[in-house]
C-alpha atoms as a PDB file:
ATOM      1  CA  MET A   1      16.370  35.466 122.491  1.00  0.00           C
ATOM      2  CA  ASN A   2      19.358  33.174 122.063  1.00  0.00           C
ATOM      3  CA  ASP A   3      20.672  31.823 118.774  1.00  0.00           C
ATOM      4  CA  THR A   4      19.835  28.178 119.542  1.00  0.00           C
ATOM      5  CA  ARG A   5      16.198  29.010 120.245  1.00  0.00           C
ATOM      6  CA  GLU A   6      15.983  31.030 117.010  1.00  0.00           C
ATOM      7  CA  TYR A   7      17.612  28.195 115.076  1.00  0.00           C
ATOM      8  CA  ILE A   8      15.072  25.714 116.467  1.00  0.00           C
ATOM      9  CA  ILE A   9      12.187  28.019 115.508  1.00  0.00           C
ATOM     10  CA  GLU A  10      13.573  28.453 111.989  1.00  0.00           C
ATOM     11  CA  LYS A  11      14.033  24.701 111.419  1.00  0.00           C
ATOM     12  CA  ALA A  12      10.631  23.902 112.933  1.00  0.00           C
ATOM     13  CA  PHE A  13       9.052  26.472 110.602  1.00  0.00           C
ATOM     14  CA  SER A  14      10.485  24.618 107.593  1.00  0.00           C
ATOM     15  CA  LEU A  15       9.170  21.305 108.920  1.00  0.00           C
ATOM     16  CA  PHE A  16       5.708  22.665 109.737  1.00  0.00           C
ATOM     17  CA  LEU A  17       5.574  24.197 106.243  1.00  0.00           C
ATOM     18  CA  LYS A  18       6.363  20.903 104.532  1.00  0.00           C
ATOM     19  CA  ASP A  19       4.154  18.746 106.755  1.00  0.00           C
ATOM     20  CA  SER A  20       1.259  19.464 109.049  1.00  0.00           C
ATOM     21  CA  TYR A  21       1.527  20.145 112.758  1.00  0.00           C
ATOM     22  CA  VAL A  22       0.227  16.641 113.464  1.00  0.00           C
ATOM     23  CA  ALA A  23       2.709  14.969 111.072  1.00  0.00           C
ATOM     24  CA  VAL A  24       5.817  16.623 112.543  1.00  0.00           C
ATOM     25  CA  SER A  25       7.077  14.872 115.659  1.00  0.00           C
ATOM     26  CA  ILE A  26       9.473  16.062 118.328  1.00  0.00           C
ATOM     27  CA  SER A  27      11.882  13.424 116.966  1.00  0.00           C
ATOM     28  CA  ASP A  28      11.633  14.983 113.484  1.00  0.00           C
ATOM     29  CA  ILE A  29      12.456  18.386 114.922  1.00  0.00           C
ATOM     30  CA  SER A  30      15.273  16.988 117.055  1.00  0.00           C
ATOM     31  CA  ASN A  31      16.808  15.253 114.025  1.00  0.00           C
ATOM     32  CA  ALA A  32      16.474  18.363 111.841  1.00  0.00           C
ATOM     33  CA  ILE A  33      18.245  20.596 114.344  1.00  0.00           C
ATOM     34  CA  GLY A  34      20.862  18.048 115.336  1.00  0.00           C
ATOM     35  CA  LEU A  35      20.090  18.287 119.045  1.00  0.00           C
ATOM     36  CA  THR A  36      18.773  15.754 121.511  1.00  0.00           C
ATOM     37  CA  LYS A  37      15.154  15.877 122.611  1.00  0.00           C
ATOM     38  CA  GLY A  38      16.417  16.950 126.036  1.00  0.00           C
ATOM     39  CA  ALA A  39      18.183  19.947 124.510  1.00  0.00           C
ATOM     40  CA  LEU A  40      15.022  20.775 122.582  1.00  0.00           C
ATOM     41  CA  TYR A  41      12.918  20.556 125.747  1.00  0.00           C
ATOM     42  CA  HIS A  42      15.363  22.928 127.429  1.00  0.00           C
ATOM     43  CA  HIS A  43      14.116  25.655 125.062  1.00  0.00           C
ATOM     44  CA  PHE A  44      10.466  24.586 124.614  1.00  0.00           C
ATOM     45  CA  LYS A  45       8.375  22.580 127.073  1.00  0.00           C
ATOM     46  CA  ASN A  46       6.469  20.810 124.267  1.00  0.00           C
ATOM     47  CA  LYS A  47       5.645  20.824 120.557  1.00  0.00           C
ATOM     48  CA  GLU A  48       2.679  23.162 121.071  1.00  0.00           C
ATOM     49  CA  GLU A  49       4.884  25.820 122.675  1.00  0.00           C
ATOM     50  CA  LEU A  50       7.365  25.529 119.795  1.00  0.00           C
ATOM     51  CA  PHE A  51       4.524  25.725 117.257  1.00  0.00           C
ATOM     52  CA  LYS A  52       3.209  28.883 118.920  1.00  0.00           C
ATOM     53  CA  ALA A  53       6.701  30.424 118.765  1.00  0.00           C
ATOM     54  CA  VAL A  54       6.886  29.588 115.044  1.00  0.00           C
ATOM     55  CA  ILE A  55       3.485  31.136 114.340  1.00  0.00           C
ATOM     56  CA  ASP A  56       4.245  34.217 116.429  1.00  0.00           C
ATOM     57  CA  LYS A  57       7.421  34.769 114.425  1.00  0.00           C
ATOM     58  CA  TYR A  58       6.329  33.881 110.891  1.00  0.00           C
ATOM     59  CA  PHE A  59       2.612  34.638 110.775  1.00  0.00           C
ATOM     60  CA  VAL A  60       2.885  38.359 111.147  1.00  0.00           C
ATOM     61  CA  VAL A  61       0.608  40.766 109.346  1.00  0.00           C
ATOM     62  CA  ASN A  62       1.674  44.342 109.851  1.00  0.00           C
ATOM     63  CA  GLU A  63      -0.928  46.536 111.447  1.00  0.00           C
ATOM     64  CA  ILE A  64      -2.223  49.534 109.586  1.00  0.00           C
ATOM     65  CA  VAL A  65      -0.585  52.516 111.205  1.00  0.00           C
ATOM     66  CA  LEU A  66      -2.737  55.612 111.227  1.00  0.00           C
ATOM     67  CA  ASN A  67      -0.347  58.420 110.532  1.00  0.00           C
ATOM     68  CA  GLU A  68      -1.371  62.009 111.091  1.00  0.00           C
ATOM     69  CA  GLU A  69       0.494  62.905 107.878  1.00  0.00           C
ATOM     70  CA  VAL A  70      -1.943  60.845 105.782  1.00  0.00           C
ATOM     71  CA  ASP A  71      -4.447  63.420 104.629  1.00  0.00           C
ATOM     72  CA  THR A  72      -6.548  61.601 102.065  1.00  0.00           C
ATOM     73  CA  PHE A  73      -8.081  58.189 101.557  1.00  0.00           C
ATOM     74  CA  LEU A  74      -5.931  57.868  98.443  1.00  0.00           C
ATOM     75  CA  GLU A  75      -2.762  58.474 100.504  1.00  0.00           C
ATOM     76  CA  PHE A  76      -4.010  55.956 103.044  1.00  0.00           C
ATOM     77  CA  SER A  77      -4.426  53.383 100.257  1.00  0.00           C
ATOM     78  CA  GLU A  78      -0.861  54.023  99.082  1.00  0.00           C
ATOM     79  CA  ALA A  79       0.405  53.504 102.638  1.00  0.00           C
ATOM     80  CA  CYS A  80      -1.570  50.237 102.856  1.00  0.00           C
ATOM     81  CA  ILE A  81      -0.073  49.029  99.569  1.00  0.00           C
ATOM     82  CA  ARG A  82       3.467  49.755 100.811  1.00  0.00           C
ATOM     83  CA  ASN A  83       2.645  47.923 104.045  1.00  0.00           C
ATOM     84  CA  ALA A  84       1.229  44.934 102.127  1.00  0.00           C
ATOM     85  CA  LYS A  85       4.303  44.729  99.910  1.00  0.00           C
ATOM     86  CA  GLU A  86       6.606  44.754 102.940  1.00  0.00           C
ATOM     87  CA  THR A  87       4.510  42.072 104.646  1.00  0.00           C
ATOM     88  CA  LEU A  88       4.548  39.836 101.564  1.00  0.00           C
ATOM     89  CA  HIS A  89       8.300  40.162 101.164  1.00  0.00           C
ATOM     90  CA  ASN A  90       8.762  39.244 104.840  1.00  0.00           C
ATOM     91  CA  ILE A  91       6.466  36.229 104.591  1.00  0.00           C
ATOM     92  CA  PHE A  92       7.754  34.892 101.273  1.00  0.00           C
ATOM     93  CA  SER A  93      11.484  35.371 101.825  1.00  0.00           C
ATOM     94  CA  HIS A  94      12.152  31.923 103.257  1.00  0.00           C
ATOM     95  CA  GLY A  95      13.883  30.246 100.360  1.00  0.00           C
ATOM     96  CA  GLU A  96      13.007  27.859  97.604  1.00  0.00           C
ATOM     97  CA  GLU A  97      11.240  25.322  99.836  1.00  0.00           C
ATOM     98  CA  PHE A  98       8.549  27.882 100.552  1.00  0.00           C
ATOM     99  CA  GLU A  99       5.262  27.314  98.743  1.00  0.00           C
ATOM    100  CA  VAL A 100       2.236  29.493  99.317  1.00  0.00           C
ATOM    101  CA  ILE A 101      -0.132  26.545  99.616  1.00  0.00           C
ATOM    102  CA  ASN A 102       2.012  25.184 102.458  1.00  0.00           C
ATOM    103  CA  TYR A 103       1.812  28.548 104.179  1.00  0.00           C
ATOM    104  CA  MET A 104      -1.974  28.476 103.861  1.00  0.00           C
ATOM    105  CA  SER A 105      -1.980  24.984 105.428  1.00  0.00           C
ATOM    106  CA  LEU A 106       0.181  26.301 108.257  1.00  0.00           C
ATOM    107  CA  ILE A 107      -2.362  29.051 108.866  1.00  0.00           C
ATOM    108  CA  ALA A 108      -5.136  26.432 108.987  1.00  0.00           C
ATOM    109  CA  ASP A 109      -3.056  24.442 111.495  1.00  0.00           C
ATOM    110  CA  SER A 110      -2.746  27.606 113.570  1.00  0.00           C
ATOM    111  CA  PHE A 111      -6.513  27.784 113.964  1.00  0.00           C
ATOM    112  CA  ARG A 112      -6.588  24.125 115.062  1.00  0.00           C
ATOM    113  CA  HIS A 113      -3.515  23.871 117.278  1.00  0.00           C
ATOM    114  CA  TYR A 114      -2.830  27.338 118.703  1.00  0.00           C
ATOM    115  CA  PRO A 115      -5.304  28.062 121.522  1.00  0.00           C
ATOM    116  CA  GLY A 116      -6.649  31.592 121.247  1.00  0.00           C
ATOM    117  CA  PHE A 117      -5.301  32.137 117.724  1.00  0.00           C
ATOM    118  CA  ALA A 118      -8.748  32.556 116.143  1.00  0.00           C
ATOM    119  CA  ASP A 119      -9.855  35.082 118.769  1.00  0.00           C
ATOM    120  CA  GLN A 120      -6.569  36.956 118.407  1.00  0.00           C
ATOM    121  CA  LYS A 121      -6.950  37.200 114.613  1.00  0.00           C
ATOM    122  CA  MET A 122     -10.633  38.164 114.823  1.00  0.00           C
ATOM    123  CA  GLN A 123      -9.702  40.997 117.189  1.00  0.00           C
ATOM    124  CA  PHE A 124      -6.928  42.050 114.789  1.00  0.00           C
ATOM    125  CA  ILE A 125      -9.406  42.129 111.879  1.00  0.00           C
ATOM    126  CA  GLN A 126     -11.874  44.180 113.927  1.00  0.00           C
ATOM    127  CA  ASN A 127      -9.169  46.668 114.949  1.00  0.00           C
ATOM    128  CA  GLU A 128      -7.937  47.079 111.376  1.00  0.00           C
ATOM    129  CA  THR A 129     -11.476  47.461 110.018  1.00  0.00           C
ATOM    130  CA  ASP A 130     -12.160  50.141 112.653  1.00  0.00           C
ATOM    131  CA  LYS A 131      -9.057  52.052 111.503  1.00  0.00           C
ATOM    132  CA  ILE A 132     -10.217  51.937 107.888  1.00  0.00           C
ATOM    133  CA  LYS A 133     -13.680  53.104 108.923  1.00  0.00           C
ATOM    134  CA  LEU A 134     -12.113  56.052 110.766  1.00  0.00           C
ATOM    135  CA  ILE A 135     -10.206  57.055 107.619  1.00  0.00           C
ATOM    136  CA  LEU A 136     -13.420  56.766 105.587  1.00  0.00           C
ATOM    137  CA  VAL A 137     -15.332  58.989 108.030  1.00  0.00           C
ATOM    138  CA  LYS A 138     -12.554  61.607 107.964  1.00  0.00           C
ATOM    139  CA  SER A 139     -12.482  61.477 104.168  1.00  0.00           C
ATOM    140  CA  ILE A 140     -16.245  62.036 104.053  1.00  0.00           C
ATOM    141  CA  GLU A 141     -15.917  64.990 106.446  1.00  0.00           C
ATOM    142  CA  ARG A 142     -13.233  66.528 104.200  1.00  0.00           C
ATOM    143  CA  GLY A 143     -15.414  66.077 101.131  1.00  0.00           C
ATOM    144  CA  GLU A 144     -13.007  63.670  99.457  1.00  0.00           C
ATOM    145  CA  ILE A 145     -15.410  60.740  99.163  1.00  0.00           C
ATOM    146  CA  ARG A 146     -19.177  60.363  98.939  1.00  0.00           C
ATOM    147  CA  SER A 147     -21.246  60.612 102.096  1.00  0.00           C
ATOM    148  CA  ASP A 148     -23.937  58.129 101.016  1.00  0.00           C
ATOM    149  CA  ILE A 149     -21.825  55.042 101.733  1.00  0.00           C
ATOM    150  CA  ASP A 150     -21.988  52.504 104.538  1.00  0.00           C
ATOM    151  CA  THR A 151     -18.553  53.028 106.095  1.00  0.00           C
ATOM    152  CA  THR A 152     -18.691  49.734 107.994  1.00  0.00           C
ATOM    153  CA  LEU A 153     -19.364  47.650 104.872  1.00  0.00           C
ATOM    154  CA  ILE A 154     -16.802  49.565 102.799  1.00  0.00           C
ATOM    155  CA  ALA A 155     -14.171  49.135 105.543  1.00  0.00           C
ATOM    156  CA  GLN A 156     -14.867  45.387 105.645  1.00  0.00           C
ATOM    157  CA  SER A 157     -14.678  45.157 101.858  1.00  0.00           C
ATOM    158  CA  TYR A 158     -11.446  47.154 101.789  1.00  0.00           C
ATOM    159  CA  PHE A 159      -9.829  44.893 104.385  1.00  0.00           C
ATOM    160  CA  SER A 160     -11.052  41.795 102.523  1.00  0.00           C
ATOM    161  CA  ASN A 161      -9.218  43.069  99.443  1.00  0.00           C
ATOM    162  CA  MET A 162      -6.063  43.339 101.527  1.00  0.00           C
ATOM    163  CA  LEU A 163      -6.504  39.770 102.830  1.00  0.00           C
ATOM    164  CA  GLY A 164      -7.059  38.511  99.285  1.00  0.00           C
ATOM    165  CA  LEU A 165      -3.457  39.266  98.372  1.00  0.00           C
ATOM    166  CA  ALA A 166      -2.487  35.621  98.648  1.00  0.00           C
ATOM    167  CA  ALA A 167      -4.772  34.535  95.788  1.00  0.00           C
ATOM    168  CA  PRO A 168      -2.611  35.894  92.931  1.00  0.00           C
ATOM    169  CA  ILE A 169       0.506  34.468  94.573  1.00  0.00           C
ATOM    170  CA  ILE A 170      -1.128  31.044  94.853  1.00  0.00           C
ATOM    171  CA  LYS A 171      -1.638  31.281  91.073  1.00  0.00           C
ATOM    172  CA  ASN A 172       2.171  31.635  90.813  1.00  0.00           C
ATOM    173  CA  GLN A 173       2.173  35.354  90.214  1.00  0.00           C
ATOM    174  CA  SER A 174       5.008  37.335  91.717  1.00  0.00           C
ATOM    175  CA  ILE A 175       4.660  39.576  94.736  1.00  0.00           C
ATOM    176  CA  ASP A 176       4.948  42.582  92.420  1.00  0.00           C
ATOM    177  CA  GLU A 177       2.087  41.255  90.265  1.00  0.00           C
ATOM    178  CA  ALA A 178      -0.016  40.680  93.385  1.00  0.00           C
ATOM    179  CA  ILE A 179       0.669  44.248  94.526  1.00  0.00           C
ATOM    180  CA  LEU A 180      -0.259  45.605  91.074  1.00  0.00           C
ATOM    181  CA  ASN A 181      -3.508  43.627  91.284  1.00  0.00           C
ATOM    182  CA  LEU A 182      -4.221  45.024  94.760  1.00  0.00           C
ATOM    183  CA  ARG A 183      -3.428  48.554  93.569  1.00  0.00           C
ATOM    184  CA  ALA A 184      -5.879  48.153  90.658  1.00  0.00           C
ATOM    185  CA  GLN A 185      -8.607  46.901  93.010  1.00  0.00           C
ATOM    186  CA  LEU A 186      -8.093  49.720  95.509  1.00  0.00           C
ATOM    187  CA  ASP A 187      -7.934  52.313  92.724  1.00  0.00           C
ATOM    188  CA  GLN A 188     -11.275  51.048  91.391  1.00  0.00           C
ATOM    189  CA  MET A 189     -12.764  51.168  94.877  1.00  0.00           C
ATOM    190  CA  TYR A 190     -11.511  54.732  95.271  1.00  0.00           C
ATOM    191  CA  MET A 191     -13.049  55.761  91.938  1.00  0.00           C
ATOM    192  CA  LEU A 192     -16.408  54.411  93.126  1.00  0.00           C
ATOM    193  CA  LEU A 193     -16.127  56.243  96.451  1.00  0.00           C
ATOM    194  CA  LYS A 194     -14.684  59.519  95.179  1.00  0.00           C
ATOM    195  CA  LYS A 195     -16.978  62.487  95.389  1.00  0.00           C
ATOM    196  CA  ARG A 196     -17.782  63.820  91.928  1.00  0.00           C
END
């Protein structure tokens, strides 16, 4: 991808963060990047295509990678925490103008103005929940965690905890505090699941 296209995406991201998709015009974007509308249209056929490029670049949640080296549910949780921390640092590393509430608004705009976004994210959630369920089943088979649990509900609950990471940050806690909060929640979940 060329530098001009990346520059346009970066500037558009800042604009879409500060204002909604509807409020940002092609003229606003053109003025912010210092290029004519024609030059902008050379890289993106319309605002929707540019918006999709912004979302595809900046709304990235790392997938849970099932690693054969992860032997226990506890190790899996540690890997998820590392993944979450990396994701948060990637998302929230966009300078002082970045506010979490604006990011949440951008996500809401994605559901409204990015065709197929909702289906794509629902499929992502299903895939990730299935991976967690697989780890739970393997952990039951190894005798690590109790066998009297509903693995589907626990997997959904576990993933919901991961998605809830933004809440502490919205309350102006740091990423490290949010990760400590997540670790405490997952540790408590593990203690409830652990075979005695």
